[in-house]
């Protein structure tokens, strides 16, 4: 983009900067959300909660399915 284009778009710089920051935050959040080691840690904590009687079998199954779905989705995207 030329100098004239940059000057015309200058008032939009804060909006463009905010959009960039939001994209970076979303990308990092998704990276952490789908991180296999984080998911495995959550699975271990979930199993510990079940063994300690903090959650019932139905809750365990529901949350385990969600975590395994996240793990599977990451594997599919990685291909």
N, C-alpha and C. Protein backbone atom coordinates (compact mmCIF):
# COMPACT_ATOMS: atom_id res chain seq x y z
N UNK A 1 0.86 -1.16 0.00
CA UNK A 1 0.00 0.00 0.00
C UNK A 1 0.90 1.23 0.00
N UNK A 2 0.53 2.20 -0.75
CA UNK A 2 1.34 3.39 -0.86
C UNK A 2 1.16 4.34 0.31
N UNK A 3 1.91 5.42 0.26
CA UNK A 3 1.88 6.42 1.32
C UNK A 3 0.49 7.04 1.46
N UNK A 4 -0.15 7.33 0.34
CA UNK A 4 -1.49 7.93 0.38
C UNK A 4 -2.48 6.98 1.05
N UNK A 5 -2.40 5.70 0.72
CA UNK A 5 -3.28 4.72 1.34
C UNK A 5 -3.06 4.62 2.83
N UNK A 6 -1.80 4.64 3.24
CA UNK A 6 -1.48 4.60 4.67
C UNK A 6 -2.03 5.82 5.38
N UNK A 7 -1.92 6.98 4.78
CA UNK A 7 -2.44 8.21 5.40
C UNK A 7 -3.95 8.17 5.53
N UNK A 8 -4.62 7.65 4.51
CA UNK A 8 -6.07 7.57 4.56
C UNK A 8 -6.56 6.57 5.61
N UNK A 9 -5.78 5.53 5.82
CA UNK A 9 -6.17 4.49 6.78
C UNK A 9 -5.67 4.77 8.19
N UNK A 10 -4.91 5.84 8.36
CA UNK A 10 -4.34 6.15 9.67
C UNK A 10 -5.39 6.26 10.78
N UNK A 11 -6.55 6.88 10.54
CA UNK A 11 -7.55 6.92 11.62
C UNK A 11 -8.05 5.55 12.07
N UNK A 12 -7.87 4.54 11.22
CA UNK A 12 -8.31 3.19 11.57
C UNK A 12 -7.23 2.39 12.28
N UNK A 13 -6.07 2.97 12.51
CA UNK A 13 -4.95 2.25 13.13
C UNK A 13 -5.33 1.64 14.48
N UNK A 14 -6.02 2.36 15.37
CA UNK A 14 -6.39 1.72 16.64
C UNK A 14 -7.28 0.49 16.46
N UNK A 15 -8.19 0.56 15.51
CA UNK A 15 -9.08 -0.58 15.26
C UNK A 15 -8.27 -1.75 14.70
N UNK A 16 -7.38 -1.46 13.76
CA UNK A 16 -6.55 -2.52 13.19
C UNK A 16 -5.65 -3.13 14.26
N UNK A 17 -5.12 -2.30 15.13
CA UNK A 17 -4.28 -2.80 16.22
C UNK A 17 -5.06 -3.67 17.19
N UNK A 18 -6.26 -3.24 17.52
CA UNK A 18 -7.12 -4.02 18.42
C UNK A 18 -7.47 -5.36 17.80
N UNK A 19 -7.79 -5.36 16.51
CA UNK A 19 -8.10 -6.62 15.82
C UNK A 19 -6.91 -7.57 15.84
N UNK A 20 -5.71 -7.04 15.65
CA UNK A 20 -4.51 -7.86 15.67
C UNK A 20 -4.33 -8.49 17.06
N UNK A 21 -4.49 -7.67 18.09
CA UNK A 21 -4.34 -8.17 19.46
C UNK A 21 -5.38 -9.26 19.74
N UNK A 22 -6.61 -9.04 19.34
CA UNK A 22 -7.66 -10.04 19.57
C UNK A 22 -7.36 -11.35 18.84
N UNK A 23 -6.84 -11.26 17.61
CA UNK A 23 -6.48 -12.47 16.87
C UNK A 23 -5.37 -13.23 17.60
N UNK A 24 -4.40 -12.50 18.15
CA UNK A 24 -3.31 -13.14 18.88
C UNK A 24 -3.83 -13.83 20.14
N UNK A 25 -4.72 -13.18 20.86
CA UNK A 25 -5.28 -13.75 22.09
C UNK A 25 -6.08 -15.00 21.77
N UNK A 26 -6.90 -14.96 20.74
CA UNK A 26 -7.70 -16.12 20.35
C UNK A 26 -6.79 -17.27 19.92
N UNK A 27 -5.76 -16.97 19.15
CA UNK A 27 -4.84 -18.02 18.70
C UNK A 27 -4.15 -18.69 19.90
N UNK A 28 -3.72 -17.91 20.87
CA UNK A 28 -3.06 -18.48 22.05
C UNK A 28 -4.05 -19.29 22.89
N UNK A 29 -5.27 -18.80 23.03
CA UNK A 29 -6.29 -19.53 23.79
C UNK A 29 -6.59 -20.88 23.14
N UNK A 30 -6.71 -20.89 21.81
CA UNK A 30 -6.97 -22.14 21.10
C UNK A 30 -5.78 -23.09 21.23
N UNK A 31 -4.58 -22.55 21.19
CA UNK A 31 -3.38 -23.37 21.34
C UNK A 31 -3.38 -24.06 22.70
N UNK A 32 -3.70 -23.33 23.75
CA UNK A 32 -3.74 -23.90 25.09
C UNK A 32 -4.92 -24.86 25.25
N UNK A 33 -6.05 -24.51 24.67
CA UNK A 33 -7.26 -25.33 24.79
C UNK A 33 -7.06 -26.72 24.17
N UNK A 34 -6.35 -26.78 23.05
CA UNK A 34 -6.16 -28.04 22.34
C UNK A 34 -4.81 -28.69 22.62
N UNK A 35 -4.04 -28.17 23.57
CA UNK A 35 -2.73 -28.72 23.90
C UNK A 35 -2.91 -30.12 24.50
N UNK A 36 -2.33 -31.15 23.86
CA UNK A 36 -2.51 -32.52 24.34
C UNK A 36 -2.05 -32.72 25.79
N UNK A 37 -0.96 -32.11 26.20
CA UNK A 37 -0.50 -32.30 27.57
C UNK A 37 -1.47 -31.67 28.57
N UNK A 38 -2.06 -30.54 28.21
CA UNK A 38 -3.05 -29.91 29.10
C UNK A 38 -4.31 -30.78 29.19
N UNK A 39 -4.71 -31.35 28.09
CA UNK A 39 -5.89 -32.22 28.09
C UNK A 39 -5.63 -33.47 28.93
N UNK A 40 -4.44 -34.05 28.80
CA UNK A 40 -4.11 -35.24 29.60
C UNK A 40 -4.08 -34.90 31.09
N UNK A 41 -3.59 -33.72 31.43
CA UNK A 41 -3.60 -33.29 32.84
C UNK A 41 -5.03 -33.16 33.35
N UNK A 42 -5.89 -32.58 32.52
CA UNK A 42 -7.29 -32.45 32.91
C UNK A 42 -7.95 -33.82 33.08
N UNK A 43 -7.59 -34.76 32.22
CA UNK A 43 -8.13 -36.12 32.35
C UNK A 43 -7.69 -36.75 33.67
N UNK A 44 -6.42 -36.55 34.05
CA UNK A 44 -5.94 -37.09 35.32
C UNK A 44 -6.68 -36.46 36.50
N UNK A 45 -6.86 -35.13 36.46
CA UNK A 45 -7.60 -34.46 37.54
C UNK A 45 -9.04 -34.93 37.60
N UNK A 46 -9.62 -35.16 36.44
CA UNK A 46 -11.00 -35.64 36.38
C UNK A 46 -11.11 -37.02 37.02
N UNK A 47 -10.15 -37.90 36.72
CA UNK A 47 -10.17 -39.23 37.31
C UNK A 47 -9.97 -39.17 38.83
N UNK A 48 -9.10 -38.27 39.27
CA UNK A 48 -8.90 -38.09 40.71
C UNK A 48 -10.18 -37.60 41.38
N UNK A 49 -10.91 -36.72 40.72
CA UNK A 49 -12.17 -36.23 41.27
C UNK A 49 -13.19 -37.35 41.39
N UNK A 50 -13.21 -38.23 40.40
CA UNK A 50 -14.13 -39.37 40.45
C UNK A 50 -13.76 -40.30 41.60
N UNK A 51 -12.48 -40.60 41.72
CA UNK A 51 -12.03 -41.50 42.79
C UNK A 51 -12.26 -40.90 44.18
N UNK A 52 -12.19 -39.58 44.29
CA UNK A 52 -12.40 -38.92 45.58
C UNK A 52 -13.89 -38.74 45.89
N UNK A 53 -14.74 -39.08 44.93
CA UNK A 53 -16.18 -38.97 45.15
C UNK A 53 -16.71 -37.56 44.96
N UNK A 54 -15.91 -36.69 44.34
CA UNK A 54 -16.34 -35.30 44.12
C UNK A 54 -17.32 -35.18 42.97
N UNK A 55 -17.25 -36.12 42.03
CA UNK A 55 -18.19 -36.15 40.90
C UNK A 55 -18.71 -37.57 40.75
N UNK A 56 -19.86 -37.71 40.10
CA UNK A 56 -20.41 -39.05 39.88
C UNK A 56 -19.97 -39.57 38.51
N UNK A 57 -20.32 -40.80 38.24
CA UNK A 57 -19.91 -41.47 37.00
C UNK A 57 -20.45 -40.76 35.76
N UNK A 58 -21.68 -40.29 35.83
CA UNK A 58 -22.29 -39.60 34.68
C UNK A 58 -21.53 -38.30 34.35
N UNK A 59 -21.21 -37.54 35.38
CA UNK A 59 -20.45 -36.30 35.18
C UNK A 59 -19.06 -36.62 34.63
N UNK A 60 -18.45 -37.66 35.17
CA UNK A 60 -17.13 -38.08 34.68
C UNK A 60 -17.20 -38.42 33.20
N UNK A 61 -18.18 -39.23 32.81
CA UNK A 61 -18.31 -39.64 31.41
C UNK A 61 -18.53 -38.45 30.50
N UNK A 62 -19.38 -37.51 30.92
CA UNK A 62 -19.67 -36.34 30.09
C UNK A 62 -18.41 -35.50 29.88
N UNK A 63 -17.70 -35.22 30.97
CA UNK A 63 -16.51 -34.38 30.87
C UNK A 63 -15.36 -35.10 30.17
N UNK A 64 -15.26 -36.41 30.38
CA UNK A 64 -14.22 -37.18 29.69
C UNK A 64 -14.46 -37.15 28.19
N UNK A 65 -15.71 -37.32 27.77
CA UNK A 65 -16.04 -37.26 26.34
C UNK A 65 -15.66 -35.91 25.75
N UNK A 66 -15.92 -34.82 26.47
CA UNK A 66 -15.55 -33.49 25.98
C UNK A 66 -14.04 -33.37 25.80
N UNK A 67 -13.29 -33.86 26.77
CA UNK A 67 -11.84 -33.78 26.69
C UNK A 67 -11.29 -34.65 25.56
N UNK A 68 -11.83 -35.85 25.41
CA UNK A 68 -11.37 -36.72 24.34
C UNK A 68 -11.74 -36.16 22.97
N UNK A 69 -12.88 -35.49 22.87
CA UNK A 69 -13.26 -34.84 21.61
C UNK A 69 -12.26 -33.75 21.25
N UNK A 70 -11.86 -32.97 22.26
CA UNK A 70 -10.85 -31.92 22.01
C UNK A 70 -9.55 -32.53 21.54
N UNK A 71 -9.13 -33.60 22.16
CA UNK A 71 -7.90 -34.27 21.78
C UNK A 71 -7.98 -34.82 20.36
N UNK A 72 -9.10 -35.43 20.03
CA UNK A 72 -9.31 -35.98 18.69
C UNK A 72 -9.34 -34.85 17.64
N UNK A 73 -9.99 -33.76 17.96
CA UNK A 73 -10.07 -32.64 17.02
C UNK A 73 -8.67 -32.10 16.73
N UNK A 74 -7.82 -32.03 17.71
CA UNK A 74 -6.45 -31.57 17.51
C UNK A 74 -5.69 -32.52 16.60
N UNK A 75 -5.90 -33.82 16.79
CA UNK A 75 -5.22 -34.81 15.94
C UNK A 75 -5.68 -34.71 14.50
N UNK A 76 -6.97 -34.48 14.29
CA UNK A 76 -7.52 -34.34 12.94
C UNK A 76 -6.96 -33.10 12.26
N UNK A 77 -6.89 -31.99 13.00
CA UNK A 77 -6.37 -30.74 12.44
C UNK A 77 -4.88 -30.86 12.13
N UNK A 78 -4.17 -31.68 12.89
CA UNK A 78 -2.74 -31.83 12.68
C UNK A 78 -2.37 -32.61 11.42
N UNK A 79 -3.32 -33.32 10.85
CA UNK A 79 -3.05 -34.12 9.65
C UNK A 79 -3.02 -33.28 8.42
